[in-house]
N, C-alpha and C. Protein backbone atom coordinates (compact mmCIF):
# COMPACT_ATOMS: atom_id res chain seq x y z
N MET A 1 67.89 91.46 -6.66
CA MET A 1 68.79 91.87 -6.52
C MET A 1 68.57 93.07 -5.61
N LYS A 2 67.85 93.88 -5.33
CA LYS A 2 67.50 95.06 -4.48
C LYS A 2 67.37 94.10 -3.35
N SER A 3 66.80 92.55 -2.90
CA SER A 3 66.24 92.30 -1.93
C SER A 3 67.46 91.44 -1.32
N PHE A 4 68.32 90.99 -2.53
CA PHE A 4 69.65 90.12 -1.93
C PHE A 4 70.54 91.03 -0.79
N VAL A 5 70.54 92.35 -1.64
CA VAL A 5 71.07 93.64 -0.89
C VAL A 5 70.78 94.00 0.29
N TYR A 6 69.29 94.44 0.53
CA TYR A 6 68.34 94.68 1.84
C TYR A 6 68.72 93.11 2.45
N ILE A 7 68.56 91.80 2.22
CA ILE A 7 68.86 90.96 3.50
C ILE A 7 70.07 90.93 4.19
N LEU A 8 71.37 91.50 2.91
CA LEU A 8 72.14 91.48 3.67
C LEU A 8 72.72 92.25 4.40
N VAL A 9 71.64 93.56 3.85
CA VAL A 9 71.91 94.62 5.25
C VAL A 9 71.91 94.68 6.68
N MET A 10 70.14 93.95 6.53
CA MET A 10 70.07 93.40 7.61
C MET A 10 70.54 92.12 8.50
N LEU A 11 71.27 91.07 8.12
CA LEU A 11 72.60 90.99 8.58
C LEU A 11 73.38 90.78 8.62
N PHE A 12 73.78 91.94 8.71
CA PHE A 12 75.46 92.37 9.04
C PHE A 12 75.77 92.55 10.62
N PRO A 13 75.17 93.13 11.46
CA PRO A 13 74.81 93.03 12.69
C PRO A 13 74.94 91.28 13.20
N PHE A 14 74.03 90.83 12.70
CA PHE A 14 74.45 89.47 13.69
C PHE A 14 75.97 88.78 13.00
N LEU A 15 75.87 88.51 11.63
CA LEU A 15 76.93 88.56 11.59
C LEU A 15 78.29 89.00 11.88
N SER A 16 78.78 90.09 12.03
CA SER A 16 79.50 90.88 12.63
C SER A 16 79.52 90.82 14.10
N SER A 17 78.36 90.62 14.98
CA SER A 17 78.47 89.97 16.40
C SER A 17 79.05 88.69 16.54
N GLY A 18 78.49 87.71 15.30
CA GLY A 18 79.05 86.21 15.73
C GLY A 18 80.66 86.17 15.30
N GLN A 19 81.37 87.17 13.96
CA GLN A 19 82.49 86.97 13.91
C GLN A 19 83.66 88.21 15.05
N GLY A 20 82.83 89.09 15.62
CA GLY A 20 83.37 89.45 16.93
C GLY A 20 84.09 88.64 17.99
N GLN A 21 82.80 87.44 18.39
CA GLN A 21 82.85 86.99 19.02
C GLN A 21 83.66 85.18 18.97
N ARG A 22 83.93 84.88 17.81
CA ARG A 22 85.16 84.32 17.40
C ARG A 22 86.40 84.77 17.86
N LEU A 23 86.69 86.35 17.15
CA LEU A 23 87.71 86.93 17.58
C LEU A 23 88.42 87.04 18.77
N GLN A 24 87.12 87.55 19.70
CA GLN A 24 87.25 87.21 20.76
C GLN A 24 87.69 86.06 21.95
N PHE A 25 86.79 85.41 20.96
CA PHE A 25 87.70 83.74 21.55
C PHE A 25 89.12 83.62 21.43
N MET A 26 89.28 83.85 20.68
CA MET A 26 91.00 83.82 19.89
C MET A 26 91.56 84.65 20.58
N ASN A 27 91.21 85.53 20.26
CA ASN A 27 92.09 86.46 21.42
C ASN A 27 92.26 86.25 22.50
N GLU A 28 91.60 85.66 23.44
CA GLU A 28 91.53 85.19 25.13
C GLU A 28 92.25 84.40 25.12
N ASN A 29 92.25 83.22 24.07
CA ASN A 29 93.12 82.18 24.05
C ASN A 29 94.49 81.90 23.68
N ASN A 30 94.62 83.09 22.74
CA ASN A 30 96.02 83.25 22.32
C ASN A 30 96.55 84.08 23.65
N SER A 31 95.57 84.76 24.38
CA SER A 31 96.19 85.43 25.39
C SER A 31 96.87 84.41 26.36
N PHE A 32 96.15 83.79 26.74
CA PHE A 32 96.56 82.49 28.12
C PHE A 32 97.93 82.14 26.74
N LEU A 33 97.58 81.71 26.23
CA LEU A 33 99.03 80.90 25.39
C LEU A 33 100.30 81.29 25.29
N ASN A 34 99.91 82.91 25.48
CA ASN A 34 101.13 83.76 25.96
C ASN A 34 101.29 83.77 27.46
N ASP A 35 100.74 83.77 27.89
CA ASP A 35 101.05 83.84 29.30
C ASP A 35 101.06 82.50 30.78
N ALA A 36 100.71 81.42 29.81
CA ALA A 36 100.44 80.44 30.74
C ALA A 36 101.69 80.02 30.99
N ASN A 37 103.17 80.40 30.62
CA ASN A 37 104.60 80.09 30.56
C ASN A 37 104.69 78.53 30.91
N GLY A 38 103.93 77.50 29.83
CA GLY A 38 104.41 76.23 29.63
C GLY A 38 105.19 75.43 29.45
N ARG A 39 104.76 74.20 29.85
CA ARG A 39 106.11 73.29 30.09
C ARG A 39 105.65 71.92 28.87
N PRO A 40 106.76 71.62 27.71
CA PRO A 40 105.81 70.51 27.37
C PRO A 40 105.45 69.39 27.93
N MET A 41 104.13 68.29 27.78
CA MET A 41 103.85 67.22 28.62
C MET A 41 104.91 66.51 27.45
N LEU A 42 105.46 65.12 28.27
CA LEU A 42 106.16 64.15 28.19
C LEU A 42 104.68 63.02 27.64
N LEU A 43 105.16 62.06 26.46
CA LEU A 43 104.25 61.25 26.22
C LEU A 43 105.65 59.64 27.00
N HIS A 44 104.19 59.36 27.74
CA HIS A 44 104.72 57.74 28.24
C HIS A 44 104.46 56.86 27.60
N SER A 45 105.40 56.32 26.92
CA SER A 45 105.40 55.29 26.19
C SER A 45 105.41 54.07 26.80
N GLU A 46 106.13 53.76 27.51
CA GLU A 46 106.65 52.95 28.52
C GLU A 46 105.69 51.87 29.21
N TYR A 47 104.70 52.07 29.11
CA TYR A 47 103.55 51.74 30.02
C TYR A 47 102.28 51.64 29.88
N LEU A 48 101.06 50.88 29.54
CA LEU A 48 99.84 51.06 29.41
C LEU A 48 99.45 51.64 30.44
N ILE A 49 98.05 52.39 30.13
CA ILE A 49 97.26 53.37 30.50
C ILE A 49 95.82 52.84 31.24
N GLU A 50 95.80 52.41 32.99
CA GLU A 50 94.11 51.74 33.01
C GLU A 50 93.88 52.48 33.91
N GLY A 51 92.29 53.41 33.81
CA GLY A 51 92.01 54.41 34.82
C GLY A 51 92.25 55.52 34.04
N SER A 52 92.39 56.98 35.12
CA SER A 52 92.65 57.93 34.34
C SER A 52 92.98 59.11 35.55
N PRO A 53 94.29 59.71 35.05
CA PRO A 53 94.43 60.90 36.54
C PRO A 53 93.50 61.92 36.38
N PHE A 54 92.78 62.30 35.01
CA PHE A 54 92.29 63.34 35.01
C PHE A 54 91.01 63.84 35.74
N PHE A 55 90.41 64.75 35.51
CA PHE A 55 89.26 65.05 35.75
C PHE A 55 88.56 64.87 34.83
N ASN A 56 88.93 65.53 33.95
CA ASN A 56 87.76 65.74 32.41
C ASN A 56 88.98 65.01 31.70
N GLN A 57 88.79 63.90 30.86
CA GLN A 57 89.67 62.87 30.52
C GLN A 57 89.73 63.70 28.65
N ASP A 58 88.62 64.52 28.24
CA ASP A 58 89.08 65.30 27.18
C ASP A 58 88.78 66.58 27.29
N TYR A 59 89.39 67.48 26.36
CA TYR A 59 89.28 69.02 26.78
C TYR A 59 88.32 69.34 26.69
N CYS A 60 87.51 70.15 27.69
CA CYS A 60 86.80 71.28 28.17
C CYS A 60 86.75 72.84 27.69
N THR A 61 86.17 73.40 27.41
CA THR A 61 86.32 74.94 27.35
C THR A 61 85.91 75.08 28.75
N ALA A 62 87.29 76.24 29.34
CA ALA A 62 86.75 76.77 30.86
C ALA A 62 87.05 78.10 30.77
N ASN A 63 86.48 78.68 31.78
CA ASN A 63 87.02 80.33 32.29
C ASN A 63 88.12 80.17 33.01
N LEU A 64 89.14 80.90 33.15
CA LEU A 64 90.18 80.68 34.34
C LEU A 64 90.79 81.89 35.19
N LYS A 65 91.21 81.83 35.86
CA LYS A 65 91.55 82.95 37.15
C LYS A 65 92.89 82.70 37.52
N VAL A 66 93.85 83.09 37.13
CA VAL A 66 95.40 83.12 37.89
C VAL A 66 95.65 83.64 39.23
N ARG A 67 96.39 83.79 39.28
CA ARG A 67 97.08 83.78 41.44
C ARG A 67 97.21 85.08 41.03
N ASN A 68 97.31 85.91 40.22
CA ASN A 68 98.07 87.39 40.00
C ASN A 68 96.57 88.23 39.51
N GLY A 69 95.27 87.26 39.47
CA GLY A 69 94.16 87.98 39.40
C GLY A 69 93.37 88.24 38.03
N LYS A 70 94.52 87.52 36.96
CA LYS A 70 93.79 87.76 35.65
C LYS A 70 93.04 86.57 34.92
N TYR A 71 91.88 87.06 34.22
CA TYR A 71 90.94 86.41 33.42
C TYR A 71 90.77 86.07 32.16
N TYR A 72 91.16 84.88 32.13
CA TYR A 72 90.77 84.50 30.81
C TYR A 72 89.84 83.59 30.05
N GLN A 73 88.61 83.47 29.07
CA GLN A 73 87.97 82.67 28.92
C GLN A 73 87.88 82.23 27.41
N GLY A 74 86.87 80.91 27.90
CA GLY A 74 86.91 80.26 26.56
C GLY A 74 88.40 79.77 26.20
N VAL A 75 88.81 78.80 26.90
CA VAL A 75 90.04 78.60 26.96
C VAL A 75 89.67 76.41 27.04
N GLN A 76 90.50 76.02 25.96
CA GLN A 76 90.32 74.66 25.96
C GLN A 76 91.53 73.96 26.96
N VAL A 77 91.12 72.81 28.05
CA VAL A 77 92.18 72.76 29.09
C VAL A 77 91.32 71.30 29.24
N LYS A 78 92.53 70.72 30.03
CA LYS A 78 92.08 69.31 31.03
C LYS A 78 92.92 69.46 32.44
N LEU A 79 92.19 68.87 33.43
CA LEU A 79 93.33 69.21 34.21
C LEU A 79 93.45 67.57 35.17
N ASN A 80 94.84 67.64 35.31
CA ASN A 80 95.14 66.25 36.02
C ASN A 80 95.19 66.32 36.94
N LEU A 81 94.37 65.37 38.14
CA LEU A 81 93.82 65.63 39.25
C LEU A 81 95.60 65.02 39.69
N GLN A 82 96.24 64.26 39.08
CA GLN A 82 97.25 63.70 40.40
C GLN A 82 98.12 64.72 40.48
N GLU A 83 98.58 65.12 39.51
CA GLU A 83 99.90 66.22 39.28
C GLU A 83 99.30 67.67 39.47
N ASN A 84 98.32 67.93 39.89
CA ASN A 84 97.39 69.46 40.11
C ASN A 84 98.10 69.97 38.44
N LEU A 85 97.90 69.56 37.10
CA LEU A 85 98.48 70.57 36.08
C LEU A 85 97.21 71.03 35.11
N VAL A 86 97.07 72.01 34.62
CA VAL A 86 96.48 72.39 34.02
C VAL A 86 96.76 71.96 32.33
N ILE A 87 96.51 71.65 31.65
CA ILE A 87 96.73 71.56 30.96
C ILE A 87 96.05 72.26 29.16
N TYR A 88 96.73 72.30 27.81
CA TYR A 88 95.76 72.98 26.67
C TYR A 88 96.82 72.70 26.04
N HIS A 89 95.81 73.18 24.95
CA HIS A 89 96.76 72.92 23.31
C HIS A 89 97.96 74.60 23.23
N THR A 90 98.79 73.98 22.17
CA THR A 90 99.32 74.84 21.81
C THR A 90 98.98 75.24 19.74
N GLY A 91 99.33 76.19 19.31
CA GLY A 91 98.21 76.79 18.18
C GLY A 91 99.15 75.19 16.85
N ASP A 92 100.09 74.62 17.75
CA ASP A 92 100.47 73.70 16.56
C ASP A 92 99.87 72.10 16.78
N GLY A 93 99.52 72.16 17.71
CA GLY A 93 99.10 71.02 18.74
C GLY A 93 99.87 70.19 19.66
N LYS A 94 100.72 70.97 19.96
CA LYS A 94 101.10 70.37 21.23
C LYS A 94 100.26 70.47 22.71
N GLU A 95 100.51 69.35 23.40
CA GLU A 95 100.10 69.46 24.68
C GLU A 95 100.99 70.25 25.72
N MET A 96 100.92 71.61 26.40
CA MET A 96 101.92 72.27 27.90
C MET A 96 100.65 71.97 29.22
N ALA A 97 101.62 72.32 30.07
CA ALA A 97 101.13 72.22 31.26
C ALA A 97 101.47 73.77 31.74
N ALA A 98 100.64 74.02 31.79
CA ALA A 98 100.16 75.56 32.40
C ALA A 98 101.34 76.02 33.80
N ILE A 99 102.72 76.34 34.03
CA ILE A 99 103.24 77.22 34.51
C ILE A 99 103.10 77.88 36.27
N THR A 100 102.02 78.81 35.11
CA THR A 100 101.68 80.29 35.95
C THR A 100 100.66 79.40 36.80
N PRO A 101 100.23 79.93 38.28
CA PRO A 101 99.56 79.44 38.47
C PRO A 101 97.86 79.41 38.89
N ILE A 102 97.62 78.67 38.19
CA ILE A 102 95.89 78.76 38.25
C ILE A 102 94.89 79.13 39.49
N GLU A 103 94.00 79.89 39.99
CA GLU A 103 93.21 79.52 41.17
C GLU A 103 91.92 79.04 41.25
N LYS A 104 91.23 79.27 39.54
CA LYS A 104 89.91 78.96 39.56
C LYS A 104 89.98 78.22 37.86
N ILE A 105 89.27 76.97 37.38
CA ILE A 105 88.73 76.56 37.08
C ILE A 105 87.10 76.18 36.64
N VAL A 106 86.83 76.92 35.93
CA VAL A 106 85.04 77.05 35.43
C VAL A 106 84.88 76.56 34.28
N PHE A 107 84.42 75.30 34.18
CA PHE A 107 84.29 74.37 33.31
C PHE A 107 82.86 74.67 32.74
N VAL A 108 82.66 75.23 31.62
CA VAL A 108 81.51 75.17 30.61
C VAL A 108 80.77 74.31 29.85
N ASN A 109 81.57 74.00 28.89
CA ASN A 109 81.14 73.24 27.94
C ASN A 109 81.84 71.81 27.68
N CYS A 110 82.04 70.82 28.64
CA CYS A 110 82.24 69.47 29.14
C CYS A 110 81.50 68.66 27.96
N ALA A 111 81.93 67.53 27.81
CA ALA A 111 80.89 67.05 26.85
C ALA A 111 79.91 65.92 27.96
N ASP A 112 80.51 65.84 29.00
CA ASP A 112 80.37 65.08 29.81
C ASP A 112 79.22 66.13 30.94
N PRO A 113 78.22 66.37 31.01
CA PRO A 113 77.75 67.69 32.00
C PRO A 113 77.59 67.44 32.98
N SER A 114 78.38 66.73 33.49
CA SER A 114 78.70 66.36 34.94
C SER A 114 79.97 66.93 35.20
N LYS A 115 80.73 67.41 34.71
CA LYS A 115 81.88 67.69 34.73
C LYS A 115 82.16 69.25 34.68
N ASN A 116 80.57 69.80 34.52
CA ASN A 116 80.99 71.17 34.08
C ASN A 116 81.17 72.03 35.63
N GLN A 117 82.09 71.94 36.43
CA GLN A 117 81.98 72.25 37.51
C GLN A 117 83.11 73.53 37.85
N VAL A 118 83.43 73.69 39.03
CA VAL A 118 84.15 74.94 39.33
C VAL A 118 85.04 74.64 40.29
N LEU A 119 86.44 74.30 39.96
CA LEU A 119 87.72 74.06 40.73
C LEU A 119 88.27 75.18 41.24
N LEU A 120 88.71 75.40 42.51
CA LEU A 120 89.41 75.97 43.12
C LEU A 120 90.69 75.50 44.46
N SER A 121 92.09 76.00 43.77
CA SER A 121 92.71 75.93 44.34
C SER A 121 93.79 77.02 45.07
N GLY A 122 94.36 77.17 45.86
CA GLY A 122 95.17 78.13 47.01
C GLY A 122 94.61 77.73 48.30
N PHE A 123 94.13 76.45 48.79
CA PHE A 123 93.54 76.41 50.04
C PHE A 123 95.29 75.82 50.61
N PRO A 124 95.27 75.86 51.90
CA PRO A 124 95.93 75.58 52.87
C PRO A 124 96.46 73.91 52.81
N PRO A 125 97.86 73.67 53.23
CA PRO A 125 97.86 71.91 52.60
C PRO A 125 97.11 71.61 53.76
N VAL A 126 97.10 70.33 53.68
CA VAL A 126 96.37 69.47 54.37
C VAL A 126 96.50 68.08 54.09
N ASP A 127 96.08 67.02 54.83
CA ASP A 127 96.35 65.33 54.20
C ASP A 127 97.05 65.23 53.07
N GLY A 128 98.37 65.59 53.39
CA GLY A 128 99.04 65.57 52.12
C GLY A 128 99.55 66.14 51.08
N GLU A 129 98.01 67.38 50.88
CA GLU A 129 97.51 68.05 50.02
C GLU A 129 98.16 69.21 49.54
N THR A 130 98.78 69.83 48.47
CA THR A 130 99.42 71.43 48.71
C THR A 130 98.29 72.67 48.43
N VAL A 131 99.26 73.64 48.54
CA VAL A 131 98.63 74.81 47.93
C VAL A 131 97.75 75.10 46.62
N ASN A 132 98.36 74.07 45.90
CA ASN A 132 98.32 73.47 43.95
C ASN A 132 97.30 72.90 43.82
N SER A 133 96.81 72.19 45.02
CA SER A 133 95.72 70.88 45.08
C SER A 133 94.55 72.01 44.27
N PHE A 134 93.62 71.11 43.78
CA PHE A 134 92.56 71.83 43.36
C PHE A 134 91.45 70.85 43.55
N TYR A 135 90.33 71.65 44.17
CA TYR A 135 89.04 70.63 45.00
C TYR A 135 87.96 71.44 44.10
N VAL A 136 87.12 70.53 43.82
CA VAL A 136 85.61 70.92 43.09
C VAL A 136 84.52 71.73 44.74
N LEU A 137 84.10 72.67 43.68
CA LEU A 137 83.37 73.49 44.90
C LEU A 137 82.02 73.63 45.16
N LEU A 138 81.23 72.95 45.80
CA LEU A 138 80.45 72.29 46.82
C LEU A 138 79.37 73.13 47.09
N ASP A 139 79.65 74.21 47.87
CA ASP A 139 79.23 75.72 48.16
C ASP A 139 79.89 76.52 49.23
N SER A 140 79.25 78.10 48.80
CA SER A 140 80.71 78.57 49.74
C SER A 140 79.61 79.25 50.63
N GLY A 141 80.23 80.19 51.43
CA GLY A 141 80.08 81.45 52.43
C GLY A 141 80.83 80.91 54.03
N HIS A 142 79.77 80.97 54.73
CA HIS A 142 80.85 81.03 56.10
C HIS A 142 81.68 79.77 56.67
N VAL A 143 80.91 78.52 55.53
CA VAL A 143 82.05 77.31 55.35
C VAL A 143 81.76 77.32 53.92
N THR A 144 82.94 77.10 53.28
CA THR A 144 83.04 76.85 52.62
C THR A 144 83.38 75.01 52.10
N LEU A 145 82.74 74.52 51.69
CA LEU A 145 82.42 73.07 51.08
C LEU A 145 83.17 72.60 49.84
N LEU A 146 84.24 72.11 50.22
CA LEU A 146 85.26 70.93 48.70
C LEU A 146 84.93 69.60 49.05
N LYS A 147 85.42 69.58 47.69
CA LYS A 147 85.87 67.97 47.16
C LYS A 147 87.06 67.59 46.70
N ARG A 148 87.26 66.88 46.84
CA ARG A 148 89.17 66.57 46.21
C ARG A 148 89.41 65.28 45.74
N ILE A 149 89.26 65.05 44.48
CA ILE A 149 89.85 63.77 44.34
C ILE A 149 91.19 63.73 44.13
N GLY A 150 91.17 62.45 45.26
CA GLY A 150 93.00 61.97 44.92
C GLY A 150 93.00 61.10 43.52
N VAL A 151 94.07 61.30 43.66
CA VAL A 151 94.74 59.69 42.39
C VAL A 151 95.80 59.43 43.04
N ASN A 152 95.75 58.10 42.93
CA ASN A 152 97.20 57.06 42.92
C ASN A 152 96.72 55.75 42.05
N TYR A 153 98.21 55.85 42.04
CA TYR A 153 98.20 55.03 40.85
C TYR A 153 99.46 53.22 41.44
N ARG A 154 99.52 52.35 40.89
CA ARG A 154 100.12 51.23 41.09
C ARG A 154 100.52 50.57 39.43
N ASP A 155 101.52 50.03 39.69
CA ASP A 155 102.34 49.49 38.37
C ASP A 155 102.08 47.82 38.39
N VAL A 156 101.56 47.41 37.23
CA VAL A 156 101.55 45.89 37.68
C VAL A 156 101.89 45.11 36.08
N LYS A 157 102.03 44.60 36.19
CA LYS A 157 101.99 43.45 35.18
C LYS A 157 101.43 42.52 34.68
N TYR A 158 99.89 42.04 34.41
CA TYR A 158 99.43 41.15 34.23
C TYR A 158 99.84 39.92 33.47
N TYR A 159 99.63 38.84 33.92
CA TYR A 159 100.14 37.43 33.57
C TYR A 159 99.65 37.31 32.02
N GLY A 160 101.04 36.89 31.55
CA GLY A 160 101.04 36.83 30.28
C GLY A 160 101.15 37.78 29.29
N SER A 161 101.58 38.96 30.05
CA SER A 161 102.06 40.39 29.06
C SER A 161 103.53 40.72 29.28
N ASN A 162 104.37 41.59 29.01
CA ASN A 162 105.46 42.00 29.26
C ASN A 162 105.47 43.27 29.65
N GLN A 163 104.14 43.60 29.40
CA GLN A 163 103.91 45.49 29.48
C GLN A 163 103.66 45.89 30.46
N THR A 164 104.19 46.80 31.27
CA THR A 164 103.48 47.54 32.33
C THR A 164 102.32 48.27 31.98
N THR A 165 101.46 47.87 33.27
CA THR A 165 100.48 48.93 33.06
C THR A 165 100.05 49.92 34.32
N ARG A 166 100.23 51.02 34.59
CA ARG A 166 99.85 51.84 35.49
C ARG A 166 98.43 51.97 35.81
N VAL A 167 97.55 51.49 36.78
CA VAL A 167 96.81 51.81 37.17
C VAL A 167 96.07 52.92 37.89
N PHE A 168 95.47 53.67 37.51
CA PHE A 168 95.24 55.11 38.28
C PHE A 168 93.53 54.88 39.01
N GLU A 169 93.65 55.10 40.24
CA GLU A 169 92.37 55.11 41.19
C GLU A 169 92.29 56.06 41.41
N GLN A 170 91.00 56.77 41.66
CA GLN A 170 90.38 58.58 42.35
C GLN A 170 89.66 57.86 43.34
N LYS A 171 89.75 58.84 44.32
CA LYS A 171 88.93 58.53 45.81
C LYS A 171 88.99 59.86 45.91
N GLU A 172 87.26 59.97 46.27
CA GLU A 172 87.14 61.63 46.82
C GLU A 172 87.19 61.50 48.19
N MET A 173 87.04 62.49 48.59
CA MET A 173 87.13 63.11 50.15
C MET A 173 86.45 64.87 49.98
N LEU A 174 85.72 65.00 51.30
CA LEU A 174 85.04 66.13 51.51
C LEU A 174 85.78 66.88 52.61
N TYR A 175 85.87 68.52 52.42
CA TYR A 175 86.91 69.36 53.33
C TYR A 175 85.70 70.38 53.24
N ALA A 176 85.75 70.99 54.64
CA ALA A 176 85.07 72.22 55.12
C ALA A 176 86.21 73.43 55.23
N TYR A 177 86.22 74.15 55.02
CA TYR A 177 86.93 75.19 54.59
C TYR A 177 86.59 76.89 55.37
N GLN A 178 86.97 77.40 56.75
CA GLN A 178 87.08 78.55 56.96
C GLN A 178 87.87 79.13 57.51
N PRO A 179 88.57 80.14 56.91
CA PRO A 179 89.48 81.11 57.38
C PRO A 179 90.80 80.97 58.58
N ALA A 180 88.94 80.66 59.69
CA ALA A 180 89.71 80.80 61.02
C ALA A 180 90.08 79.63 61.29
N LYS A 181 89.68 78.38 61.17
CA LYS A 181 89.87 77.34 61.07
C LYS A 181 90.86 76.63 60.19
N GLY A 182 91.07 76.85 59.12
CA GLY A 182 91.21 76.64 58.21
C GLY A 182 90.63 74.96 57.37
N MET A 183 91.12 74.06 57.07
CA MET A 183 90.95 73.01 56.36
C MET A 183 90.71 71.38 57.28
N ILE A 184 89.18 71.25 57.33
CA ILE A 184 88.65 70.22 58.32
C ILE A 184 88.58 68.76 57.03
N ARG A 185 89.00 68.00 57.12
CA ARG A 185 88.07 66.84 56.46
C ARG A 185 86.93 66.76 57.27
N LEU A 186 85.94 66.26 56.39
CA LEU A 186 84.52 65.96 56.85
C LEU A 186 83.98 64.85 56.95
N ALA A 187 83.93 63.99 57.58
CA ALA A 187 83.45 62.88 57.76
C ALA A 187 81.75 62.49 57.33
N LYS A 188 81.37 62.11 57.06
CA LYS A 188 80.24 61.65 56.89
C LYS A 188 79.26 61.29 57.70
N GLU A 189 79.35 62.08 58.86
CA GLU A 189 78.67 61.14 59.77
C GLU A 189 77.51 62.77 60.76
N GLU A 190 76.76 62.69 61.11
CA GLU A 190 76.08 63.85 61.69
C GLU A 190 76.72 64.10 63.03
N ALA A 191 77.74 63.26 64.01
CA ALA A 191 78.12 63.99 64.85
C ALA A 191 79.39 65.14 64.65
N ALA A 192 79.62 64.61 63.62
CA ALA A 192 80.91 65.50 62.67
C ALA A 192 80.66 66.89 62.28
N VAL A 193 79.47 66.77 60.98
CA VAL A 193 78.68 67.69 60.96
C VAL A 193 78.13 68.96 61.75
N LEU A 194 77.38 68.16 63.14
CA LEU A 194 77.26 69.17 64.26
C LEU A 194 78.33 69.50 65.09
N SER A 195 79.52 69.55 65.03
CA SER A 195 80.68 69.75 65.75
C SER A 195 80.89 70.83 64.79
N LEU A 196 80.92 70.78 63.59
CA LEU A 196 81.47 71.83 62.75
C LEU A 196 80.70 72.45 62.89
N LEU A 197 79.42 72.91 62.68
CA LEU A 197 78.50 73.91 62.53
C LEU A 197 77.79 74.40 64.07
N SER A 198 78.94 74.11 65.23
CA SER A 198 78.07 73.83 66.47
C SER A 198 78.01 75.05 66.82
N ASP A 199 77.62 76.70 66.34
CA ASP A 199 77.35 77.65 66.49
C ASP A 199 75.84 78.04 66.07
N GLN A 200 75.48 76.52 64.99
CA GLN A 200 73.89 76.75 64.91
C GLN A 200 73.11 75.29 65.04
N ARG A 201 73.90 74.64 66.13
CA ARG A 201 73.70 73.50 66.39
C ARG A 201 72.39 73.08 66.44
N LYS A 202 71.45 73.83 67.01
CA LYS A 202 70.12 73.38 67.36
C LYS A 202 69.43 73.69 65.74
N ALA A 203 69.43 74.45 65.09
CA ALA A 203 69.24 74.45 63.74
C ALA A 203 69.35 73.86 62.88
N VAL A 204 70.27 73.23 62.98
CA VAL A 204 71.26 72.26 62.27
C VAL A 204 70.41 71.16 62.22
N GLN A 205 70.22 70.78 63.22
CA GLN A 205 69.69 68.92 64.18
C GLN A 205 68.46 69.50 63.50
N THR A 206 67.37 70.52 63.70
CA THR A 206 66.56 70.40 63.34
C THR A 206 66.03 70.28 61.82
N PHE A 207 66.67 71.45 61.09
CA PHE A 207 66.72 70.57 59.35
C PHE A 207 67.13 69.58 59.07
N LEU A 208 68.08 68.61 59.98
CA LEU A 208 68.44 67.43 59.81
C LEU A 208 67.11 66.28 59.67
N THR A 209 66.42 66.56 60.89
CA THR A 209 65.47 65.79 61.25
C THR A 209 64.14 65.92 60.56
N ALA A 210 64.34 66.87 60.12
CA ALA A 210 62.93 67.78 59.54
C ALA A 210 62.52 66.88 57.80
N ASN A 211 64.30 66.60 57.06
CA ASN A 211 64.43 66.92 55.86
C ASN A 211 64.83 65.00 56.07
N ASP A 212 65.03 64.58 56.89
CA ASP A 212 65.25 62.87 57.10
C ASP A 212 67.01 62.79 56.35
N LEU A 213 67.83 63.46 56.97
CA LEU A 213 69.25 63.74 56.68
C LEU A 213 70.35 63.29 56.97
N LYS A 214 70.93 62.20 56.49
CA LYS A 214 71.96 60.71 57.27
C LYS A 214 72.94 61.14 57.04
N CYS A 215 73.84 62.47 56.67
CA CYS A 215 74.75 62.71 56.11
C CYS A 215 75.68 62.15 56.11
N ARG A 216 74.81 60.71 55.41
CA ARG A 216 76.05 59.85 54.46
C ARG A 216 76.16 59.70 53.31
N LYS A 217 75.66 60.77 52.57
CA LYS A 217 75.68 61.11 51.25
C LYS A 217 75.75 62.50 50.90
N GLU A 218 76.99 62.97 49.59
CA GLU A 218 77.15 64.16 49.39
C GLU A 218 76.27 65.27 49.46
N THR A 219 74.94 64.37 48.52
CA THR A 219 74.33 65.19 48.20
C THR A 219 73.30 65.85 49.62
N ASP A 220 73.28 64.98 50.56
CA ASP A 220 73.11 65.51 52.36
C ASP A 220 74.12 66.46 52.49
N LEU A 221 74.89 66.22 52.55
CA LEU A 221 76.17 67.04 53.30
C LEU A 221 75.83 68.60 52.79
N VAL A 222 75.86 68.67 50.98
CA VAL A 222 75.48 69.83 50.71
C VAL A 222 74.13 70.58 50.83
N LYS A 223 73.56 69.64 51.09
CA LYS A 223 72.23 70.58 51.42
C LYS A 223 72.26 70.89 53.12
N ILE A 224 73.02 70.24 53.60
CA ILE A 224 73.11 71.15 55.02
C ILE A 224 73.71 72.38 55.28
N ILE A 225 74.95 72.43 54.08
CA ILE A 225 76.08 73.21 54.55
C ILE A 225 75.46 74.75 53.47
N GLN A 226 74.60 74.34 52.38
CA GLN A 226 73.86 75.55 52.00
C GLN A 226 73.27 76.11 53.39
N PHE A 227 72.17 74.74 53.81
CA PHE A 227 71.20 75.72 55.00
C PHE A 227 71.78 76.53 55.84
N TYR A 228 73.18 75.88 56.28
CA TYR A 228 73.86 77.03 57.21
C TYR A 228 73.94 78.29 56.91
N ASN A 229 74.55 78.03 55.88
CA ASN A 229 75.41 79.26 54.79
C ASN A 229 74.23 80.33 55.15
N ALA A 230 73.22 79.80 54.76
CA ALA A 230 71.94 80.47 54.45
C ALA A 230 71.76 81.47 55.69
N LEU A 231 71.83 80.94 56.90
CA LEU A 231 71.72 81.41 57.93
C LEU A 231 72.31 82.24 58.73
N GLN A 232 73.83 82.37 57.91
CA GLN A 232 74.36 83.30 58.45
C GLN A 232 74.33 84.93 57.54
N GLN A 233 73.51 84.85 56.44
CA GLN A 233 73.44 85.74 55.92
C GLN A 233 72.81 86.73 56.54
C-alpha cells in the first residue's frame, strides 16, 4: 500500500499537468465559440458534390488570430476557400461559420500533413479576390510569397441522372506582396521574377544559374524568394 501511495504522489504533477492542458484546450476552444459570432451553416441537399471547396476536407486543429489581435489555440476548424469561411463545431455538434474576421490560421494537426500550413487574409483586393480571401504563406520578409487556391464550380446533370451535381475545381495562383507595390500576380517565368526582384537582379540571376532554377515550379520560386529575403536582412 505504501508503494502504491508513493507512486501516486510521484505521478500527481504529471497527471495535474495533463489535466491542466486539457482544461486549457477546453477553455480556449470555448472562448472561441463565445467570440466567433458564428452563423449556422446550411446543408445543401438539392445537389450532389464532386470535388471540394475546402482547403482541408476534415476538421484540423488550428491556432487562430482574429483581426482585433486576439489569439485562440487548439480550435477544431476547416476552411471553405470558395466563400472564405472558417467553419467550426459548437458544443452540440452544429456546424457554424465564424463571422468575426480571422486574420491568421495556423493548422498544426491535420490528418493530411501537407495541410499543416499557415494561411493569411487581410491583403489588398486583386483579381476578384477580397480582403477576406485566404492565402497560403510560402515565405515572408521584404517580399511575402503567397498562394491563393481559387475555387470555381459548375452545375451539371450527368446522363441518366435527374439530380444536379455541383463540380468544384481548384486552381492555384502565386502572388508577391510588398506594402509599397501591393499584390502582384507572379508568373512562373524568369523575366517576371527578375523584374519583381530588380533591386537584387544580378545576385538573383547568379543564384538562379548556380542552382539551375527555371522558375516553373512553386518550389523553385520559394527558394528564390527565400534567397532574396535573406539578402535584405
